[in-house]
PDB file of all heavy atoms in Angstrom:
ATOM      1  N   ASN A   1     -42.814 253.010   5.738  1.00  0.00           N
ATOM      2  CA  ASN A   1     -42.841 251.549   5.787  1.00  0.00           C
ATOM      3  C   ASN A   1     -43.537 251.113   7.078  1.00  0.00           C
ATOM      4  O   ASN A   1     -43.185 251.578   8.168  1.00  0.00           O
ATOM      5  CB  ASN A   1     -41.421 250.993   5.754  1.00  0.00           C
ATOM      6  CG  ASN A   1     -40.637 251.456   4.533  1.00  0.00           C
ATOM      7  OD1 ASN A   1     -41.025 251.194   3.408  1.00  0.00           O
ATOM      8  ND2 ASN A   1     -39.546 252.159   4.771  1.00  0.00           N
ATOM      9  N   GLU A   2     -44.516 250.230   6.969  1.00  0.00           N
ATOM     10  CA  GLU A   2     -45.307 249.826   8.130  1.00  0.00           C
ATOM     11  C   GLU A   2     -45.076 248.356   8.456  1.00  0.00           C
ATOM     12  O   GLU A   2     -45.274 247.481   7.606  1.00  0.00           O
ATOM     13  CB  GLU A   2     -46.794 250.088   7.886  1.00  0.00           C
ATOM     14  CG  GLU A   2     -47.120 251.558   7.721  1.00  0.00           C
ATOM     15  CD  GLU A   2     -48.601 251.808   7.502  1.00  0.00           C
ATOM     16  OE1 GLU A   2     -49.267 250.959   6.863  1.00  0.00           O
ATOM     17  OE2 GLU A   2     -49.107 252.845   7.966  1.00  0.00           O
ATOM     18  N   LEU A   3     -44.656 248.099   9.697  1.00  0.00           N
ATOM     19  CA  LEU A   3     -44.369 246.744  10.158  1.00  0.00           C
ATOM     20  C   LEU A   3     -45.506 246.283  11.065  1.00  0.00           C
ATOM     21  O   LEU A   3     -45.707 246.835  12.154  1.00  0.00           O
ATOM     22  CB  LEU A   3     -43.045 246.721  10.918  1.00  0.00           C
ATOM     23  CG  LEU A   3     -42.589 245.389  11.497  1.00  0.00           C
ATOM     24  CD1 LEU A   3     -42.447 244.321  10.416  1.00  0.00           C
ATOM     25  CD2 LEU A   3     -41.270 245.561  12.250  1.00  0.00           C
ATOM     26  N   PHE A   4     -46.262 245.302  10.611  1.00  0.00           N
ATOM     27  CA  PHE A   4     -47.397 244.781  11.371  1.00  0.00           C
ATOM     28  C   PHE A   4     -46.931 243.619  12.243  1.00  0.00           C
ATOM     29  O   PHE A   4     -46.370 242.636  11.742  1.00  0.00           O
ATOM     30  CB  PHE A   4     -48.519 244.339  10.423  1.00  0.00           C
ATOM     31  CG  PHE A   4     -49.182 245.485   9.718  1.00  0.00           C
ATOM     32  CD1 PHE A   4     -48.632 246.016   8.553  1.00  0.00           C
ATOM     33  CD2 PHE A   4     -50.345 246.053  10.231  1.00  0.00           C
ATOM     34  CE1 PHE A   4     -49.237 247.089   7.899  1.00  0.00           C
ATOM     35  CE2 PHE A   4     -50.958 247.113   9.592  1.00  0.00           C
ATOM     36  CZ  PHE A   4     -50.399 247.632   8.424  1.00  0.00           C
ATOM     37  N   LEU A   5     -47.169 243.744  13.552  1.00  0.00           N
ATOM     38  CA  LEU A   5     -46.670 242.788  14.533  1.00  0.00           C
ATOM     39  C   LEU A   5     -47.809 242.175  15.337  1.00  0.00           C
ATOM     40  O   LEU A   5     -48.860 242.786  15.497  1.00  0.00           O
ATOM     41  CB  LEU A   5     -45.702 243.477  15.495  1.00  0.00           C
ATOM     42  CG  LEU A   5     -44.517 244.223  14.870  1.00  0.00           C
ATOM     43  CD1 LEU A   5     -43.832 245.086  15.918  1.00  0.00           C
ATOM     44  CD2 LEU A   5     -43.531 243.237  14.250  1.00  0.00           C
ATOM     45  N   SER A   6     -47.566 240.986  15.855  1.00  0.00           N
ATOM     46  CA  SER A   6     -48.516 240.356  16.777  1.00  0.00           C
ATOM     47  C   SER A   6     -47.804 240.169  18.115  1.00  0.00           C
ATOM     48  O   SER A   6     -46.856 240.898  18.420  1.00  0.00           O
ATOM     49  CB  SER A   6     -49.005 239.020  16.209  1.00  0.00           C
ATOM     50  OG  SER A   6     -47.948 238.085  16.142  1.00  0.00           O
ATOM     51  N   GLU A   7     -48.233 239.184  18.882  1.00  0.00           N
ATOM     52  CA  GLU A   7     -47.627 238.947  20.185  1.00  0.00           C
ATOM     53  C   GLU A   7     -46.686 237.746  20.162  1.00  0.00           C
ATOM     54  O   GLU A   7     -46.229 237.293  21.206  1.00  0.00           O
ATOM     55  CB  GLU A   7     -48.734 238.723  21.229  1.00  0.00           C
ATOM     56  CG  GLU A   7     -49.648 239.940  21.388  1.00  0.00           C
ATOM     57  CD  GLU A   7     -50.902 239.647  22.187  1.00  0.00           C
ATOM     58  OE1 GLU A   7     -51.212 238.459  22.401  1.00  0.00           O
ATOM     59  OE2 GLU A   7     -51.579 240.608  22.593  1.00  0.00           O
ATOM     60  N   ASN A   8     -46.355 237.239  18.966  1.00  0.00           N
ATOM     61  CA  ASN A   8     -45.486 236.067  18.892  1.00  0.00           C
ATOM     62  C   ASN A   8     -44.007 236.446  18.965  1.00  0.00           C
ATOM     63  O   ASN A   8     -43.637 237.626  18.913  1.00  0.00           O
ATOM     64  CB  ASN A   8     -45.783 235.244  17.625  1.00  0.00           C
ATOM     65  CG  ASN A   8     -45.545 236.035  16.343  1.00  0.00           C
ATOM     66  OD1 ASN A   8     -44.678 236.895  16.266  1.00  0.00           O
ATOM     67  ND2 ASN A   8     -46.334 235.736  15.318  1.00  0.00           N
ATOM     68  N   GLU A   9     -43.152 235.440  19.064  1.00  0.00           N
ATOM     69  CA  GLU A   9     -41.719 235.666  19.279  1.00  0.00           C
ATOM     70  C   GLU A   9     -41.040 236.338  18.091  1.00  0.00           C
ATOM     71  O   GLU A   9     -40.139 237.170  18.269  1.00  0.00           O
ATOM     72  CB  GLU A   9     -41.040 234.326  19.585  1.00  0.00           C
ATOM     73  CG  GLU A   9     -41.515 233.698  20.893  1.00  0.00           C
ATOM     74  CD  GLU A   9     -41.139 232.233  20.994  1.00  0.00           C
ATOM     75  OE1 GLU A   9     -40.916 231.600  19.940  1.00  0.00           O
ATOM     76  OE2 GLU A   9     -41.069 231.714  22.123  1.00  0.00           O
ATOM     77  N   ILE A  10     -41.448 235.980  16.877  1.00  0.00           N
ATOM     78  CA  ILE A  10     -40.840 236.586  15.688  1.00  0.00           C
ATOM     79  C   ILE A  10     -41.166 238.076  15.631  1.00  0.00           C
ATOM     80  O   ILE A  10     -40.326 238.898  15.251  1.00  0.00           O
ATOM     81  CB  ILE A  10     -41.329 235.879  14.403  1.00  0.00           C
ATOM     82  CG1 ILE A  10     -41.057 234.370  14.481  1.00  0.00           C
ATOM     83  CG2 ILE A  10     -40.644 236.483  13.189  1.00  0.00           C
ATOM     84  CD1 ILE A  10     -39.607 234.014  14.684  1.00  0.00           C
ATOM     85  N   SER A  11     -42.378 238.431  16.043  1.00  0.00           N
ATOM     86  CA  SER A  11     -42.754 239.852  16.099  1.00  0.00           C
ATOM     87  C   SER A  11     -41.902 240.589  17.122  1.00  0.00           C
ATOM     88  O   SER A  11     -41.477 241.728  16.896  1.00  0.00           O
ATOM     89  CB  SER A  11     -44.240 239.990  16.461  1.00  0.00           C
ATOM     90  OG  SER A  11     -45.069 239.542  15.417  1.00  0.00           O
ATOM     91  N   VAL A  12     -41.656 239.941  18.266  1.00  0.00           N
ATOM     92  CA  VAL A  12     -40.811 240.545  19.300  1.00  0.00           C
ATOM     93  C   VAL A  12     -39.409 240.804  18.745  1.00  0.00           C
ATOM     94  O   VAL A  12     -38.809 241.852  18.977  1.00  0.00           O
ATOM     95  CB  VAL A  12     -40.742 239.643  20.550  1.00  0.00           C
ATOM     96  CG1 VAL A  12     -39.695 240.161  21.531  1.00  0.00           C
ATOM     97  CG2 VAL A  12     -42.109 239.588  21.230  1.00  0.00           C
ATOM     98  N   PHE A  13     -38.870 239.840  18.006  1.00  0.00           N
ATOM     99  CA  PHE A  13     -37.545 239.996  17.393  1.00  0.00           C
ATOM    100  C   PHE A  13     -37.503 241.225  16.485  1.00  0.00           C
ATOM    101  O   PHE A  13     -36.588 242.056  16.574  1.00  0.00           O
ATOM    102  CB  PHE A  13     -37.182 238.736  16.605  1.00  0.00           C
ATOM    103  CG  PHE A  13     -36.151 238.961  15.533  1.00  0.00           C
ATOM    104  CD1 PHE A  13     -34.881 239.430  15.860  1.00  0.00           C
ATOM    105  CD2 PHE A  13     -36.450 238.717  14.195  1.00  0.00           C
ATOM    106  CE1 PHE A  13     -33.923 239.649  14.862  1.00  0.00           C
ATOM    107  CE2 PHE A  13     -35.509 238.928  13.198  1.00  0.00           C
ATOM    108  CZ  PHE A  13     -34.239 239.396  13.534  1.00  0.00           C
ATOM    109  N   LEU A  14     -38.475 241.368  15.616  1.00  0.00           N
ATOM    110  CA  LEU A  14     -38.484 242.486  14.673  1.00  0.00           C
ATOM    111  C   LEU A  14     -38.714 243.823  15.376  1.00  0.00           C
ATOM    112  O   LEU A  14     -38.176 244.855  14.968  1.00  0.00           O
ATOM    113  CB  LEU A  14     -39.539 242.244  13.599  1.00  0.00           C
ATOM    114  CG  LEU A  14     -39.237 241.066  12.654  1.00  0.00           C
ATOM    115  CD1 LEU A  14     -40.424 240.781  11.749  1.00  0.00           C
ATOM    116  CD2 LEU A  14     -37.974 241.334  11.835  1.00  0.00           C
ATOM    117  N   GLU A  15     -39.479 243.788  16.454  1.00  0.00           N
ATOM    118  CA  GLU A  15     -39.683 245.004  17.249  1.00  0.00           C
ATOM    119  C   GLU A  15     -38.381 245.415  17.934  1.00  0.00           C
ATOM    120  O   GLU A  15     -38.017 246.603  17.966  1.00  0.00           O
ATOM    121  CB  GLU A  15     -40.778 244.763  18.287  1.00  0.00           C
ATOM    122  CG  GLU A  15     -41.177 246.008  19.061  1.00  0.00           C
ATOM    123  CD  GLU A  15     -42.347 245.770  20.005  1.00  0.00           C
ATOM    124  OE1 GLU A  15     -42.862 244.627  20.051  1.00  0.00           O
ATOM    125  OE2 GLU A  15     -42.747 246.730  20.695  1.00  0.00           O
ATOM    126  N   ILE A  16     -37.670 244.433  18.481  1.00  0.00           N
ATOM    127  CA  ILE A  16     -36.373 244.706  19.110  1.00  0.00           C
ATOM    128  C   ILE A  16     -35.370 245.221  18.078  1.00  0.00           C
ATOM    129  O   ILE A  16     -34.629 246.179  18.325  1.00  0.00           O
ATOM    130  CB  ILE A  16     -35.824 243.433  19.784  1.00  0.00           C
ATOM    131  CG1 ILE A  16     -36.650 243.077  21.014  1.00  0.00           C
ATOM    132  CG2 ILE A  16     -34.366 243.612  20.187  1.00  0.00           C
ATOM    133  CD1 ILE A  16     -36.260 241.752  21.638  1.00  0.00           C
ATOM    134  N   LEU A  17     -35.351 244.591  16.919  1.00  0.00           N
ATOM    135  CA  LEU A  17     -34.434 245.012  15.849  1.00  0.00           C
ATOM    136  C   LEU A  17     -34.720 246.443  15.408  1.00  0.00           C
ATOM    137  O   LEU A  17     -33.794 247.236  15.207  1.00  0.00           O
ATOM    138  CB  LEU A  17     -34.560 244.054  14.659  1.00  0.00           C
ATOM    139  CG  LEU A  17     -33.678 244.359  13.450  1.00  0.00           C
ATOM    140  CD1 LEU A  17     -32.205 244.218  13.806  1.00  0.00           C
ATOM    141  CD2 LEU A  17     -34.034 243.443  12.281  1.00  0.00           C
ATOM    142  N   SER A  18     -35.992 246.784  15.266  1.00  0.00           N
ATOM    143  CA  SER A  18     -36.373 248.147  14.868  1.00  0.00           C
ATOM    144  C   SER A  18     -35.918 249.167  15.895  1.00  0.00           C
ATOM    145  O   SER A  18     -35.514 250.280  15.550  1.00  0.00           O
ATOM    146  CB  SER A  18     -37.892 248.231  14.672  1.00  0.00           C
ATOM    147  OG  SER A  18     -38.317 247.386  13.634  1.00  0.00           O
ATOM    148  N   SER A  19     -35.987 248.773  17.169  1.00  0.00           N
ATOM    149  CA  SER A  19     -35.554 249.662  18.239  1.00  0.00           C
ATOM    150  C   SER A  19     -34.036 249.785  18.266  1.00  0.00           C
ATOM    151  O   SER A  19     -33.488 250.887  18.366  1.00  0.00           O
ATOM    152  CB  SER A  19     -36.059 249.135  19.592  1.00  0.00           C
ATOM    153  OG  SER A  19     -35.550 249.903  20.651  1.00  0.00           O
ATOM    154  N   TYR A  20     -33.344 248.657  18.166  1.00  0.00           N
ATOM    155  CA  TYR A  20     -31.880 248.656  18.255  1.00  0.00           C
ATOM    156  C   TYR A  20     -31.238 249.432  17.097  1.00  0.00           C
ATOM    157  O   TYR A  20     -30.240 250.133  17.292  1.00  0.00           O
ATOM    158  CB  TYR A  20     -31.363 247.215  18.267  1.00  0.00           C
ATOM    159  CG  TYR A  20     -29.868 247.115  18.432  1.00  0.00           C
ATOM    160  CD1 TYR A  20     -29.270 247.416  19.663  1.00  0.00           C
ATOM    161  CD2 TYR A  20     -29.049 246.737  17.366  1.00  0.00           C
ATOM    162  CE1 TYR A  20     -27.900 247.338  19.818  1.00  0.00           C
ATOM    163  CE2 TYR A  20     -27.683 246.659  17.519  1.00  0.00           C
ATOM    164  CZ  TYR A  20     -27.096 246.959  18.748  1.00  0.00           C
ATOM    165  OH  TYR A  20     -25.738 246.884  18.897  1.00  0.00           O
ATOM    166  N   THR A  21     -31.805 249.326  15.908  1.00  0.00           N
ATOM    167  CA  THR A  21     -31.268 250.038  14.744  1.00  0.00           C
ATOM    168  C   THR A  21     -31.782 251.472  14.651  1.00  0.00           C
ATOM    169  O   THR A  21     -31.394 252.214  13.746  1.00  0.00           O
ATOM    170  CB  THR A  21     -31.648 249.299  13.447  1.00  0.00           C
ATOM    171  OG1 THR A  21     -33.078 249.191  13.370  1.00  0.00           O
ATOM    172  CG2 THR A  21     -31.029 247.912  13.398  1.00  0.00           C
ATOM    173  N   ARG A  22     -32.677 251.843  15.567  1.00  0.00           N
ATOM    174  CA  ARG A  22     -33.306 253.179  15.584  1.00  0.00           C
ATOM    175  C   ARG A  22     -34.205 253.416  14.375  1.00  0.00           C
ATOM    176  O   ARG A  22     -34.479 254.567  14.016  1.00  0.00           O
ATOM    177  CB  ARG A  22     -32.242 254.285  15.656  1.00  0.00           C
ATOM    178  CG  ARG A  22     -31.252 254.153  16.790  1.00  0.00           C
ATOM    179  CD  ARG A  22     -31.890 254.281  18.142  1.00  0.00           C
ATOM    180  NE  ARG A  22     -30.902 254.213  19.224  1.00  0.00           N
ATOM    181  CZ  ARG A  22     -31.212 254.184  20.520  1.00  0.00           C
ATOM    182  NH1 ARG A  22     -32.484 254.240  20.888  1.00  0.00           N
ATOM    183  NH2 ARG A  22     -30.274 254.124  21.449  1.00  0.00           N
ATOM    184  N   ALA A  23     -34.647 252.341  13.741  1.00  0.00           N
ATOM    185  CA  ALA A  23     -35.540 252.484  12.589  1.00  0.00           C
ATOM    186  C   ALA A  23     -36.856 253.140  12.997  1.00  0.00           C
ATOM    187  O   ALA A  23     -37.410 253.964  12.257  1.00  0.00           O
ATOM    188  CB  ALA A  23     -35.811 251.117  11.962  1.00  0.00           C
ATOM    189  N   SER A  24     -37.350 252.789  14.169  1.00  0.00           N
ATOM    190  CA  SER A  24     -38.608 253.368  14.654  1.00  0.00           C
ATOM    191  C   SER A  24     -38.430 254.832  15.024  1.00  0.00           C
ATOM    192  O   SER A  24     -39.245 255.690  14.645  1.00  0.00           O
ATOM    193  CB  SER A  24     -39.105 252.584  15.871  1.00  0.00           C
ATOM    194  OG  SER A  24     -39.303 251.230  15.566  1.00  0.00           O
TER     195      SER A  24
END
């Protein structure tokens, strides 16, 4: 599964969530 992110706040949220849940 590939999560495409930019530099906006919503992308930051999903990046943090992926890290916190250890999904990455």
